[in-house]
Amino acid sequence: MSRTDIAEALQHPRRSLGDRHRSQSEKYVSLALDDRGSVVAERAVNLEWGEQSARQAVLYDFTNPKNWLALVRVKVLLGDSDGISSVIEDLFTVLGRKPEHLSQLEGVDFLANGPMLLKASLEADPLDPDKWWGMVSESNDLLDEFSERMGTLDLRDRRANVLFSRRIERIRDSGDEEQFMDLSRLVLAQRPSNHEAWTSLGRMHERRGEYSDAWLCYDQAQSFFPGKPVRDDFRSRMEGDMDGLGKTTWNPPGISQRVDFLRKMEDMASMEIEEGDEDTGVIEIEDPLSFIEQLIVEERFSEAFFKSRRLAAEGNDGALEIYEKLRKRMEVE
């Protein structure tokens, strides 16, 4: 299995494997404890095995709060305060919160309060998209607050991007198409390799008869996941026998439309950086390829990706080479 295949597999929560590893962890932990729940020194090695299994549970299914709680429980028994802090920081990453929020917890006794903090975070911001929707759909104010907050979140992590993609699918299913499309672009601006989100957005545009926009989304999806030719399938539908009128010729968007689309995504990708920290903004460099390289140095990969693809669409061969390297890099991250 290639690195791309592994990354693709881990993008999708696998509940059965998560449950299996969590169950193993719980068995190891029980072997390490006496009847009063205290650790037996001679059996403490089982806690290490329990921790490894709990880590695997979170790895395979980050959407199940039980897996996170099981991991923190083992770390409490191991007396691993730093480890508990790291787990909470990782959860914050999945929830799109910036790790520096942990600075608010300086001085907290993680061994005593870590499980409570983790549980409170999971209850306030459920990982299950249906539970989340059941909570936020109770009032328009909560939905509005979520939509506004989306623009301030860091969704570059693969898990965070998948999580929020599934959340906004619930908004789509509720009938709010415009909100769904706006938030989808925010998600994709931060992680262009999310081919499922591109495909979902493309289907929405296609259903609305916005065929050029649909093709642009399908094109992005297929560039990252050529094994699922959604762009080619879409073109076949467009050129097929529609309404009994026979086959027709359909032309995809021209260069100017593609460039305009990529420029808008590029602007969205740069928006969060500029608003979050003005001092880290990259100074415009006259040579566009040097500017892209500088973006990469600054780890502004999404912005560099859209800029390089835009320049490639305009005929810049050097930009095409950079784009291909970025695309391959994003496939495995």
Protein backbone atom coordinates (compact mmCIF):
# COMPACT_ATOMS: atom_id res chain seq x y z
CA MET A 1 0.00 0.00 0.00
CA SER A 2 1.41 3.39 -1.03
CA ARG A 3 1.72 6.41 1.28
CA THR A 4 -1.15 7.99 -0.66
CA ASP A 5 -3.35 4.92 -0.07
CA ILE A 6 -2.50 4.92 3.64
CA ALA A 7 -3.31 8.62 3.96
CA GLU A 8 -6.54 8.08 2.07
CA ALA A 9 -7.54 5.18 4.32
CA LEU A 10 -6.83 7.09 7.51
CA GLN A 11 -8.90 10.01 6.25
CA HIS A 12 -12.01 7.91 6.73
CA PRO A 13 -12.87 6.93 10.31
CA ARG A 14 -13.11 3.15 10.64
CA ARG A 15 -15.33 2.58 13.64
CA SER A 16 -14.95 -1.20 13.82
CA LEU A 17 -11.16 -1.01 14.01
CA GLY A 18 -11.34 1.84 16.49
CA ASP A 19 -13.69 -0.16 18.69
CA ARG A 20 -11.46 -3.23 18.47
CA HIS A 21 -8.33 -1.37 19.56
CA ARG A 22 -10.18 0.44 22.34
CA SER A 23 -11.50 -2.88 23.63
CA GLN A 24 -7.94 -4.25 23.63
CA SER A 25 -6.76 -1.20 25.52
CA GLU A 26 -9.42 -1.66 28.17
CA LYS A 27 -8.41 -5.31 28.61
CA TYR A 28 -4.75 -4.41 29.06
CA VAL A 29 -5.65 -1.72 31.58
CA SER A 30 -7.80 -4.13 33.59
CA LEU A 31 -4.89 -6.56 33.74
CA ALA A 32 -2.71 -3.84 35.27
CA LEU A 33 -5.17 -2.98 38.07
CA ASP A 34 -6.20 -4.69 41.27
CA ASP A 35 -9.78 -4.98 42.52
CA ARG A 36 -9.62 -1.44 43.95
CA GLY A 37 -8.49 0.09 40.67
CA SER A 38 -4.90 0.66 41.77
CA VAL A 39 -1.93 -0.14 39.53
CA VAL A 40 -0.08 -3.34 40.43
CA ALA A 41 3.62 -2.64 39.92
CA GLU A 42 4.38 -6.14 38.64
CA ARG A 43 1.67 -5.78 35.99
CA ALA A 44 2.27 -2.14 35.05
CA VAL A 45 3.74 -3.15 31.69
CA ASN A 46 0.17 -3.81 30.58
CA LEU A 47 -0.47 -0.07 30.75
CA GLU A 48 2.10 0.48 28.02
CA TRP A 49 0.32 -2.03 25.82
CA GLY A 50 -2.96 -0.39 26.72
CA GLU A 51 -1.63 3.00 25.70
CA GLN A 52 -0.49 1.68 22.31
CA SER A 53 -3.90 0.15 21.66
CA ALA A 54 -5.68 3.35 22.70
CA ARG A 55 -3.48 5.34 20.32
CA GLN A 56 -4.48 2.98 17.52
CA ALA A 57 -8.15 3.43 18.42
CA VAL A 58 -7.87 7.21 18.01
CA LEU A 59 -5.85 6.77 14.82
CA TYR A 60 -8.49 4.59 13.18
CA ASP A 61 -11.52 6.50 14.46
CA PHE A 62 -10.97 10.02 15.70
CA THR A 63 -14.73 10.69 15.64
CA ASN A 64 -15.50 8.41 18.61
CA PRO A 65 -15.11 10.27 21.93
CA LYS A 66 -14.70 6.95 23.76
CA ASN A 67 -11.35 6.44 22.04
CA TRP A 68 -10.01 9.80 23.21
CA LEU A 69 -11.23 9.19 26.76
CA ALA A 70 -9.65 5.72 26.81
CA LEU A 71 -6.30 7.18 25.78
CA VAL A 72 -6.39 9.86 28.46
CA ARG A 73 -7.39 7.31 31.10
CA VAL A 74 -4.27 5.25 30.38
CA LYS A 75 -2.08 8.33 30.51
CA VAL A 76 -3.53 9.28 33.89
CA LEU A 77 -2.68 5.82 35.21
CA LEU A 78 0.83 6.19 33.78
CA GLY A 79 1.18 9.60 35.43
CA ASP A 80 1.92 11.15 32.03
CA SER A 81 0.87 14.78 32.49
CA ASP A 82 2.65 15.95 29.34
CA GLY A 83 1.02 13.15 27.39
CA ILE A 84 -2.44 14.25 28.52
CA SER A 85 -1.66 17.79 27.45
CA SER A 86 -0.58 16.47 24.04
CA VAL A 87 -3.82 14.51 23.62
CA ILE A 88 -5.91 17.59 24.40
CA GLU A 89 -3.79 19.63 21.98
CA ASP A 90 -4.37 16.98 19.31
CA LEU A 91 -8.12 17.13 19.93
CA PHE A 92 -7.98 20.91 19.57
CA THR A 93 -6.30 20.38 16.20
CA VAL A 94 -9.10 18.06 15.07
CA LEU A 95 -11.66 20.64 16.21
CA GLY A 96 -9.89 23.33 14.21
CA ARG A 97 -8.75 25.25 17.26
CA LYS A 98 -5.30 26.71 17.26
CA PRO A 99 -2.88 24.90 19.63
CA GLU A 100 -1.97 28.17 21.32
CA HIS A 101 -5.35 27.95 23.05
CA LEU A 102 -3.60 25.52 25.38
CA SER A 103 -1.69 28.47 26.79
CA GLN A 104 -4.91 29.28 28.63
CA LEU A 105 -4.44 26.02 30.52
CA GLU A 106 -0.98 26.79 31.87
CA GLY A 107 -0.70 25.71 35.47
CA VAL A 108 -3.57 23.22 35.18
CA ASP A 109 -3.03 19.85 36.85
CA PHE A 110 -3.64 17.60 33.84
CA LEU A 111 -3.44 14.42 35.90
CA ALA A 112 -6.32 15.60 38.06
CA ASN A 113 -8.32 17.63 35.54
CA GLY A 114 -7.29 16.30 32.11
CA PRO A 115 -10.15 13.81 31.72
CA MET A 116 -12.67 16.47 32.76
CA LEU A 117 -11.25 19.01 30.28
CA LEU A 118 -11.27 16.47 27.48
CA LYS A 119 -14.84 15.40 28.20
CA ALA A 120 -16.03 19.00 28.38
CA SER A 121 -14.45 19.77 25.00
CA LEU A 122 -16.06 16.71 23.43
CA GLU A 123 -19.48 17.58 24.82
CA ALA A 124 -19.28 21.23 23.77
CA ASP A 125 -18.10 20.39 20.24
CA PRO A 126 -19.26 16.84 19.34
CA LEU A 127 -17.15 14.87 16.89
CA ASP A 128 -20.18 12.97 15.59
CA PRO A 129 -21.67 15.20 12.84
CA ASP A 130 -25.23 14.10 13.60
CA LYS A 131 -24.87 14.90 17.31
CA TRP A 132 -23.26 18.20 16.37
CA TRP A 133 -26.12 19.04 14.02
CA GLY A 134 -28.69 18.10 16.63
CA MET A 135 -27.09 20.65 18.95
CA VAL A 136 -26.47 23.60 16.60
CA SER A 137 -29.70 23.27 14.63
CA GLU A 138 -31.71 24.16 17.71
CA SER A 139 -31.31 27.87 16.98
CA ASN A 140 -30.31 30.13 14.11
CA ASP A 141 -27.96 31.96 16.45
CA LEU A 142 -25.84 28.85 16.96
CA LEU A 143 -25.68 28.25 13.21
CA ASP A 144 -24.72 31.85 12.54
CA GLU A 145 -22.05 31.65 15.23
CA PHE A 146 -20.66 28.47 13.67
CA SER A 147 -20.54 30.01 10.20
CA GLU A 148 -18.70 33.07 11.49
CA ARG A 149 -16.28 30.93 13.50
CA MET A 150 -15.45 28.79 10.46
CA GLY A 151 -13.46 31.67 9.02
CA THR A 152 -11.19 31.76 12.08
CA LEU A 153 -10.45 28.04 12.35
CA ASP A 154 -7.35 26.16 11.24
CA LEU A 155 -8.65 23.32 9.05
CA ARG A 156 -5.40 22.28 7.40
CA ASP A 157 -5.21 19.05 9.38
CA ARG A 158 -6.68 16.15 7.38
CA ARG A 159 -8.97 15.08 10.21
CA ALA A 160 -10.25 18.60 10.90
CA ASN A 161 -10.95 19.10 7.21
CA VAL A 162 -12.92 15.85 7.00
CA LEU A 163 -14.80 16.62 10.22
CA PHE A 164 -15.93 20.07 9.11
CA SER A 165 -16.75 18.82 5.61
CA ARG A 166 -19.21 16.39 7.19
CA ARG A 167 -20.63 19.06 9.43
CA ILE A 168 -21.41 21.39 6.55
CA GLU A 169 -22.99 18.47 4.69
CA ARG A 170 -25.64 18.55 7.42
CA ILE A 171 -26.20 22.22 6.58
CA ARG A 172 -26.59 21.24 2.93
CA ASP A 173 -29.07 18.50 3.81
CA SER A 174 -31.13 21.04 5.75
CA GLY A 175 -31.64 22.97 2.50
CA ASP A 176 -29.24 25.87 2.98
CA GLU A 177 -27.37 25.52 -0.29
CA GLU A 178 -25.73 28.95 -0.30
CA GLN A 179 -24.28 28.48 3.18
CA PHE A 180 -23.04 25.03 2.23
CA MET A 181 -21.22 26.34 -0.84
CA ASP A 182 -19.65 29.26 1.02
CA LEU A 183 -18.38 27.05 3.84
CA SER A 184 -17.20 24.36 1.42
CA ARG A 185 -14.92 26.90 -0.23
CA LEU A 186 -13.48 27.80 3.18
CA VAL A 187 -12.74 24.14 3.87
CA LEU A 188 -11.16 23.61 0.45
CA ALA A 189 -9.12 26.81 0.56
CA GLN A 190 -7.28 25.38 3.56
CA ARG A 191 -6.91 21.83 2.24
CA PRO A 192 -7.22 21.57 -1.55
CA SER A 193 -6.56 17.80 -1.48
CA ASN A 194 -9.99 17.02 0.00
CA HIS A 195 -11.33 15.45 -3.18
CA GLU A 196 -14.58 14.35 -1.54
CA ALA A 197 -15.44 17.94 -0.63
CA TRP A 198 -14.64 19.06 -4.19
CA THR A 199 -16.91 16.33 -5.54
CA SER A 200 -19.72 17.24 -3.16
CA LEU A 201 -19.49 20.91 -4.12
CA GLY A 202 -19.36 19.96 -7.81
CA ARG A 203 -22.55 17.93 -7.48
CA MET A 204 -24.29 20.87 -5.90
CA HIS A 205 -23.27 23.16 -8.76
CA GLU A 206 -24.31 20.52 -11.30
CA ARG A 207 -27.72 20.10 -9.71
CA ARG A 208 -28.20 23.86 -9.85
CA GLY A 209 -27.28 23.94 -13.54
CA GLU A 210 -24.01 25.80 -12.84
CA TYR A 211 -22.05 23.57 -15.15
CA SER A 212 -18.83 25.57 -15.49
CA ASP A 213 -18.49 25.75 -11.70
CA ALA A 214 -19.28 22.04 -11.47
CA TRP A 215 -16.50 21.18 -13.94
CA LEU A 216 -13.98 23.32 -12.06
CA CYS A 217 -14.74 21.45 -8.82
CA TYR A 218 -14.69 18.03 -10.48
CA ASP A 219 -11.39 18.93 -12.13
CA GLN A 220 -9.84 19.66 -8.73
CA ALA A 221 -11.24 16.41 -7.32
CA GLN A 222 -9.90 14.27 -10.16
CA SER A 223 -6.48 15.90 -10.05
CA PHE A 224 -6.07 14.55 -6.50
CA PHE A 225 -7.92 11.27 -6.97
CA PRO A 226 -7.58 10.17 -10.61
CA GLY A 227 -8.91 6.74 -9.69
CA LYS A 228 -12.37 8.32 -9.52
CA PRO A 229 -12.79 10.23 -12.81
CA VAL A 230 -15.58 12.56 -11.70
CA ARG A 231 -14.53 15.25 -14.18
CA ASP A 232 -14.54 12.84 -17.12
CA ASP A 233 -17.84 11.31 -16.02
CA PHE A 234 -19.37 14.77 -15.80
CA ARG A 235 -18.25 15.63 -19.32
CA SER A 236 -19.71 12.36 -20.57
CA ARG A 237 -23.03 13.29 -18.99
CA MET A 238 -22.92 16.73 -20.56
CA GLU A 239 -22.18 15.32 -24.01
CA GLY A 240 -24.55 12.39 -23.70
CA ASP A 241 -28.02 11.96 -25.13
CA MET A 242 -29.87 14.50 -22.96
CA ASP A 243 -33.65 14.79 -23.30
CA GLY A 244 -33.59 12.64 -26.43
CA LEU A 245 -31.81 15.34 -28.43
CA GLY A 246 -28.82 13.19 -29.30
CA LYS A 247 -25.17 13.68 -28.40
CA THR A 248 -23.94 17.25 -28.07
CA THR A 249 -20.57 18.96 -27.83
CA TRP A 250 -19.85 20.58 -24.49
CA ASN A 251 -16.84 22.77 -23.90
CA PRO A 252 -15.31 23.07 -20.41
CA PRO A 253 -14.57 26.50 -18.94
CA GLY A 254 -11.97 28.52 -20.80
CA ILE A 255 -8.61 29.65 -19.46
CA SER A 256 -9.97 32.97 -18.19
CA GLN A 257 -12.67 31.24 -16.13
CA ARG A 258 -10.18 28.76 -14.68
CA VAL A 259 -7.75 31.52 -13.80
CA ASP A 260 -10.49 33.57 -12.14
CA PHE A 261 -11.62 30.54 -10.12
CA LEU A 262 -8.08 29.73 -8.97
CA ARG A 263 -7.39 33.35 -8.10
CA LYS A 264 -10.46 33.45 -5.85
CA MET A 265 -9.39 30.25 -4.09
CA GLU A 266 -5.88 31.66 -3.74
CA ASP A 267 -7.28 34.78 -2.09
CA MET A 268 -9.34 32.68 0.32
CA ALA A 269 -6.30 30.56 1.19
CA SER A 270 -4.33 33.69 2.11
CA MET A 271 -7.15 35.35 4.04
CA GLU A 272 -6.69 33.46 7.31
CA ILE A 273 -2.94 34.10 7.47
CA GLU A 274 -3.33 37.79 6.82
CA GLU A 275 -6.07 38.22 9.41
CA GLY A 276 -4.39 36.02 11.99
CA ASP A 277 -0.88 37.49 12.02
CA GLU A 278 0.01 40.50 9.93
CA ASP A 279 3.71 40.10 10.73
CA THR A 280 3.92 36.73 8.96
CA GLY A 281 2.62 37.97 5.63
CA VAL A 282 4.97 37.31 2.74
CA ILE A 283 6.27 40.42 0.99
CA GLU A 284 5.26 40.43 -2.69
CA ILE A 285 8.21 39.41 -4.86
CA GLU A 286 8.38 40.50 -8.48
CA ASP A 287 9.22 37.04 -9.82
CA PRO A 288 6.04 34.93 -9.34
CA LEU A 289 7.93 31.63 -9.07
CA SER A 290 10.20 33.04 -6.37
CA PHE A 291 7.10 34.28 -4.59
CA ILE A 292 5.61 30.77 -4.66
CA GLU A 293 8.84 29.32 -3.30
CA GLN A 294 8.71 31.88 -0.50
CA LEU A 295 5.13 30.84 0.30
CA ILE A 296 6.34 27.25 0.59
CA VAL A 297 9.13 28.31 2.95
CA GLU A 298 6.45 30.04 5.05
CA GLU A 299 4.44 26.75 4.95
CA ARG A 300 1.57 28.50 3.20
CA PHE A 301 1.04 25.45 1.04
CA SER A 302 -2.59 25.96 0.04
CA GLU A 303 -1.94 29.48 -1.18
CA ALA A 304 1.16 28.28 -3.04
CA PHE A 305 -0.88 25.45 -4.57
CA PHE A 306 -3.61 27.66 -6.01
CA LYS A 307 -1.13 30.29 -7.18
CA SER A 308 1.06 27.73 -8.93
CA ARG A 309 -1.92 26.11 -10.63
CA ARG A 310 -3.21 29.51 -11.73
CA LEU A 311 0.14 30.42 -13.25
CA ALA A 312 0.34 26.99 -14.87
CA ALA A 313 -3.09 27.57 -16.43
CA GLU A 314 -1.69 30.80 -17.84
CA GLY A 315 1.13 28.85 -19.50
CA ASN A 316 3.99 29.14 -16.99
CA ASP A 317 5.90 25.84 -17.29
CA GLY A 318 7.92 26.49 -14.14
CA ALA A 319 4.72 26.95 -12.16
CA LEU A 320 3.40 23.64 -13.52
CA GLU A 321 6.42 21.82 -12.10
CA ILE A 322 5.93 23.42 -8.68
CA TYR A 323 2.21 22.64 -8.79
CA GLU A 324 2.87 18.95 -9.46
CA LYS A 325 5.29 18.75 -6.54
CA LEU A 326 2.80 20.45 -4.23
CA ARG A 327 -0.04 18.21 -5.37
CA LYS A 328 1.98 15.06 -4.67
CA ARG A 329 3.02 16.43 -1.29
CA MET A 330 -0.56 17.23 -0.32
CA GLU A 331 -1.75 13.77 -1.33
CA VAL A 332 0.24 12.12 1.46
CA GLU A 333 -0.03 14.73 4.23
